[in-house]
Amino acid sequence: MSSKKGSEVRSDRKSAMLGTLAGWTMKLVTASLRLEVRDLSGVGSPAAAVPPVIYILWHNRFFTVPAAWNRICSTHRKAVTLTSASHDGDLVARAMAVFSLGAVRGSSSRRGVAALIGLKHALKDGFDVCLTPDGPRGPRYVIQPGVIKLAESTGAPIIPVHVKFSSALRLKSWDRFVIPWPFSRVEVTFAEAIHLPRGMTPETFESERLRIENLLISGTDDA
């Protein structure tokens, strides 16, 4: 019984309403920002014909990324985000829907296998996927192995997304979630793609995980 309950995707009217409200709040705040988007990956150019990719960013950085992605990609790309199977995950999924982003529900702690299969199907169907590899519970700024496994098994390139804030509120949550103050400056960088080889040894796998973790940390202004 407990196993079945733990595998459920949770959703209710309250999380749907709060999530939609959160999404519109994000949209209003980000509309006021001096948002600078740098695309070093090519995803923003239709002519580049970049195949489906895996975006990774720290959990505390995702407030401004949907708006940044919409600015450069909404006309020629489609994407889904990974959110947890909990009510909090439903809230995030509803918020992302405001930006016309889909959601795959699951995490390392709940519905992990189903989530991995869903992400693989999304990539195969031509969707980019967006992951916060230290979420949903941390530790902060530590990449969990799932994103490396996904990139290795699918061949999809990883694109680190760096977000820097000129002025922001940092919540007292486990991840120190960052919310930019209205009218402040935010810089979002879609970095160059990282391609991982298939069939990595455990040693190479861990080496690549640490390399990507350090690369993502290097683009973080408060790490």
Protein backbone atom coordinates (compact mmCIF):
# COMPACT_ATOMS: atom_id res chain seq x y z
CA MET A 1 0.00 0.00 0.00
CA SER A 2 2.74 2.46 0.97
CA SER A 3 4.65 1.58 -2.21
CA LYS A 4 1.62 2.39 -4.34
CA LYS A 5 1.07 5.67 -2.48
CA GLY A 6 4.72 6.61 -2.94
CA SER A 7 4.39 6.12 -6.70
CA GLU A 8 1.43 8.48 -7.11
CA VAL A 9 1.59 11.75 -9.00
CA ARG A 10 -0.07 14.23 -6.68
CA SER A 11 -2.28 17.08 -7.82
CA ASP A 12 -5.22 19.01 -6.42
CA ARG A 13 -7.14 22.22 -6.92
CA LYS A 14 -5.07 24.13 -4.35
CA SER A 15 -1.70 23.32 -5.97
CA ALA A 16 -3.17 24.07 -9.42
CA MET A 17 -4.39 27.49 -8.32
CA LEU A 18 -1.22 28.39 -6.42
CA GLY A 19 0.97 27.16 -9.26
CA THR A 20 -0.85 29.20 -11.87
CA LEU A 21 -0.66 32.26 -9.60
CA ALA A 22 3.07 31.66 -9.09
CA GLY A 23 3.57 31.36 -12.85
CA TRP A 24 1.87 34.69 -13.54
CA THR A 25 3.83 36.31 -10.71
CA MET A 26 7.04 35.05 -12.32
CA LYS A 27 5.88 36.38 -15.68
CA LEU A 28 5.08 39.84 -14.29
CA VAL A 29 8.35 40.13 -12.37
CA THR A 30 10.49 38.91 -15.27
CA ALA A 31 8.71 41.33 -17.63
CA SER A 32 10.05 44.18 -15.48
CA LEU A 33 13.65 42.96 -15.51
CA ARG A 34 16.56 44.16 -17.57
CA LEU A 35 16.99 40.61 -18.81
CA GLU A 36 20.16 39.88 -20.79
CA VAL A 37 20.19 36.51 -22.55
CA ARG A 38 23.44 35.17 -23.98
CA ASP A 39 23.21 32.14 -26.27
CA LEU A 40 26.53 30.32 -26.70
CA SER A 41 24.79 27.02 -27.49
CA GLY A 42 22.99 27.86 -30.73
CA VAL A 43 19.54 26.86 -29.43
CA GLY A 44 18.25 30.37 -30.06
CA SER A 45 18.99 30.18 -33.79
CA PRO A 46 16.51 28.25 -35.98
CA ALA A 47 19.20 28.01 -38.65
CA ALA A 48 21.54 26.14 -36.28
CA ALA A 49 19.15 23.15 -36.20
CA VAL A 50 20.38 22.04 -32.77
CA PRO A 51 18.92 18.61 -31.84
CA PRO A 52 16.95 18.15 -28.58
CA VAL A 53 19.09 19.10 -25.59
CA ILE A 54 19.21 18.77 -21.81
CA TYR A 55 19.33 22.13 -20.02
CA ILE A 56 20.72 22.03 -16.49
CA LEU A 57 20.60 24.79 -13.91
CA TRP A 58 20.72 24.94 -10.13
CA HIS A 59 17.38 24.55 -8.38
CA ASN A 60 17.55 28.04 -6.87
CA ARG A 61 17.99 29.66 -10.29
CA PHE A 62 14.88 28.67 -12.21
CA PHE A 63 12.74 31.79 -11.53
CA THR A 64 13.99 33.69 -14.60
CA VAL A 65 14.94 30.86 -16.96
CA PRO A 66 11.47 30.15 -18.46
CA ALA A 67 11.20 33.78 -19.58
CA ALA A 68 14.76 33.72 -20.95
CA TRP A 69 14.07 30.48 -22.83
CA ASN A 70 10.82 31.91 -24.24
CA ARG A 71 12.68 34.96 -25.52
CA ILE A 72 15.10 33.01 -27.71
CA CYS A 73 13.44 29.63 -28.32
CA SER A 74 9.64 29.79 -28.14
CA THR A 75 9.13 30.20 -31.89
CA HIS A 76 11.07 27.11 -32.98
CA ARG A 77 11.64 24.79 -30.00
CA LYS A 78 9.49 22.97 -27.45
CA ALA A 79 10.51 21.86 -23.97
CA VAL A 80 9.45 20.04 -20.83
CA THR A 81 10.67 20.40 -17.27
CA LEU A 82 11.15 17.69 -14.66
CA THR A 83 9.15 18.34 -11.49
CA SER A 84 8.62 16.12 -8.48
CA ALA A 85 5.56 13.88 -8.09
CA SER A 86 4.52 15.79 -4.93
CA HIS A 87 2.03 18.63 -4.55
CA ASP A 88 4.99 21.03 -4.71
CA GLY A 89 5.93 19.46 -8.03
CA ASP A 90 2.38 20.00 -9.28
CA LEU A 91 2.66 23.65 -8.26
CA VAL A 92 5.87 24.02 -10.28
CA ALA A 93 4.34 22.21 -13.27
CA ARG A 94 1.36 24.60 -13.27
CA ALA A 95 3.71 27.59 -13.05
CA MET A 96 5.72 26.32 -16.02
CA ALA A 97 2.53 25.86 -18.03
CA VAL A 98 2.06 29.65 -17.90
CA PHE A 99 5.24 29.81 -20.03
CA SER A 100 3.93 27.06 -22.37
CA LEU A 101 6.39 24.53 -20.94
CA GLY A 102 5.33 20.94 -20.34
CA ALA A 103 6.23 18.77 -17.36
CA VAL A 104 7.42 15.25 -16.66
CA ARG A 105 6.51 14.30 -13.09
CA GLY A 106 8.93 12.37 -10.86
CA SER A 107 12.25 12.58 -8.99
CA SER A 108 15.06 10.44 -7.62
CA SER A 109 13.00 9.78 -4.48
CA ARG A 110 9.57 9.18 -6.09
CA ARG A 111 8.75 7.72 -9.54
CA GLY A 112 12.41 7.94 -10.58
CA VAL A 113 12.26 5.20 -13.23
CA ALA A 114 9.00 6.54 -14.70
CA ALA A 115 10.49 10.03 -14.83
CA LEU A 116 13.61 8.81 -16.62
CA ILE A 117 11.50 6.97 -19.19
CA GLY A 118 9.33 10.05 -19.66
CA LEU A 119 12.38 12.25 -20.24
CA LYS A 120 13.80 9.80 -22.78
CA HIS A 121 10.49 9.77 -24.65
CA ALA A 122 10.38 13.58 -24.61
CA LEU A 123 13.87 13.83 -26.14
CA LYS A 124 12.97 11.21 -28.74
CA ASP A 125 9.84 13.19 -29.63
CA GLY A 126 11.88 16.34 -30.23
CA PHE A 127 11.44 18.14 -26.90
CA ASP A 128 14.24 19.80 -25.00
CA VAL A 129 14.24 18.83 -21.31
CA CYS A 130 15.14 21.08 -18.40
CA LEU A 131 16.53 19.65 -15.16
CA THR A 132 17.67 21.06 -11.83
CA PRO A 133 20.22 18.36 -10.94
CA ASP A 134 20.55 19.31 -7.26
CA GLY A 135 16.77 19.20 -6.72
CA PRO A 136 14.27 18.62 -5.39
CA ARG A 137 15.92 18.34 -1.96
CA GLY A 138 19.64 18.94 -2.39
CA PRO A 139 22.36 19.06 -1.36
CA ARG A 140 22.65 22.48 -2.96
CA TYR A 141 25.12 22.77 -5.86
CA VAL A 142 25.72 19.01 -6.08
CA ILE A 143 24.79 17.29 -9.34
CA GLN A 144 22.95 14.02 -8.85
CA PRO A 145 23.89 11.24 -11.31
CA GLY A 146 20.51 11.05 -13.07
CA VAL A 147 21.25 13.82 -15.56
CA ILE A 148 24.56 12.20 -16.53
CA LYS A 149 22.81 8.86 -17.04
CA LEU A 150 20.18 10.52 -19.22
CA ALA A 151 22.76 12.26 -21.41
CA GLU A 152 24.88 9.11 -21.72
CA SER A 153 21.96 6.85 -22.63
CA THR A 154 20.30 9.22 -25.14
CA GLY A 155 23.29 11.02 -26.63
CA ALA A 156 21.55 14.36 -26.03
CA PRO A 157 23.97 17.21 -25.33
CA ILE A 158 23.92 18.98 -21.97
CA ILE A 159 23.65 22.77 -21.95
CA PRO A 160 24.53 24.44 -18.63
CA VAL A 161 22.43 27.52 -17.89
CA HIS A 162 24.06 30.20 -15.75
CA VAL A 163 22.01 32.91 -14.04
CA LYS A 164 23.47 35.96 -12.31
CA PHE A 165 21.56 38.66 -10.46
CA SER A 166 22.39 42.30 -9.77
CA SER A 167 19.91 42.47 -6.88
CA ALA A 168 17.75 39.70 -5.48
CA LEU A 169 15.94 38.22 -2.50
CA ARG A 170 17.39 34.92 -1.28
CA LEU A 171 14.94 32.76 0.63
CA LYS A 172 15.88 30.73 3.71
CA SER A 173 15.09 27.43 1.98
CA TRP A 174 17.52 24.53 1.57
CA ASP A 175 18.61 25.88 -1.83
CA ARG A 176 18.54 29.60 -0.91
CA PHE A 177 16.05 30.16 -3.74
CA VAL A 178 16.73 33.43 -5.59
CA ILE A 179 14.02 35.88 -6.65
CA PRO A 180 15.23 38.98 -8.50
CA TRP A 181 13.90 42.33 -7.39
CA PRO A 182 11.64 43.96 -10.00
CA PHE A 183 13.49 46.21 -12.46
CA SER A 184 16.87 44.70 -11.53
CA ARG A 185 19.34 43.27 -14.06
CA VAL A 186 19.61 39.52 -14.64
CA GLU A 187 22.03 37.78 -16.97
CA VAL A 188 21.10 34.32 -18.29
CA THR A 189 23.71 32.40 -20.29
CA PHE A 190 23.00 29.25 -22.28
CA ALA A 191 26.53 27.84 -22.36
CA GLU A 192 28.19 25.70 -25.00
CA ALA A 193 26.91 22.15 -25.35
CA ILE A 194 28.63 19.26 -23.57
CA HIS A 195 28.63 15.88 -25.32
CA LEU A 196 29.18 12.76 -23.22
CA PRO A 197 30.43 9.43 -24.60
CA ARG A 198 28.32 6.31 -24.27
CA GLY A 199 29.45 3.34 -22.20
CA MET A 200 31.53 5.28 -19.67
CA THR A 201 33.36 3.40 -16.94
CA PRO A 202 32.33 4.26 -13.35
CA GLU A 203 35.53 6.29 -13.00
CA THR A 204 34.89 8.28 -16.19
CA PHE A 205 31.24 8.75 -15.23
CA GLU A 206 32.19 10.29 -11.88
CA SER A 207 34.90 12.40 -13.49
CA GLU A 208 32.39 13.83 -15.98
CA ARG A 209 29.83 14.42 -13.22
CA LEU A 210 32.36 16.41 -11.22
CA ARG A 211 33.54 18.32 -14.30
CA ILE A 212 30.01 19.43 -15.15
CA GLU A 213 29.25 20.21 -11.50
CA ASN A 214 32.31 22.48 -11.27
CA LEU A 215 31.41 24.11 -14.59
CA LEU A 216 27.91 24.90 -13.35
CA ILE A 217 29.30 26.20 -10.04
CA SER A 218 31.75 28.45 -11.91
CA GLY A 219 28.81 30.34 -13.41
CA THR A 220 27.17 30.92 -10.05
CA ASP A 221 27.74 34.24 -8.32
CA ASP A 222 27.17 33.05 -4.74
CA ALA A 223 28.69 29.54 -4.70
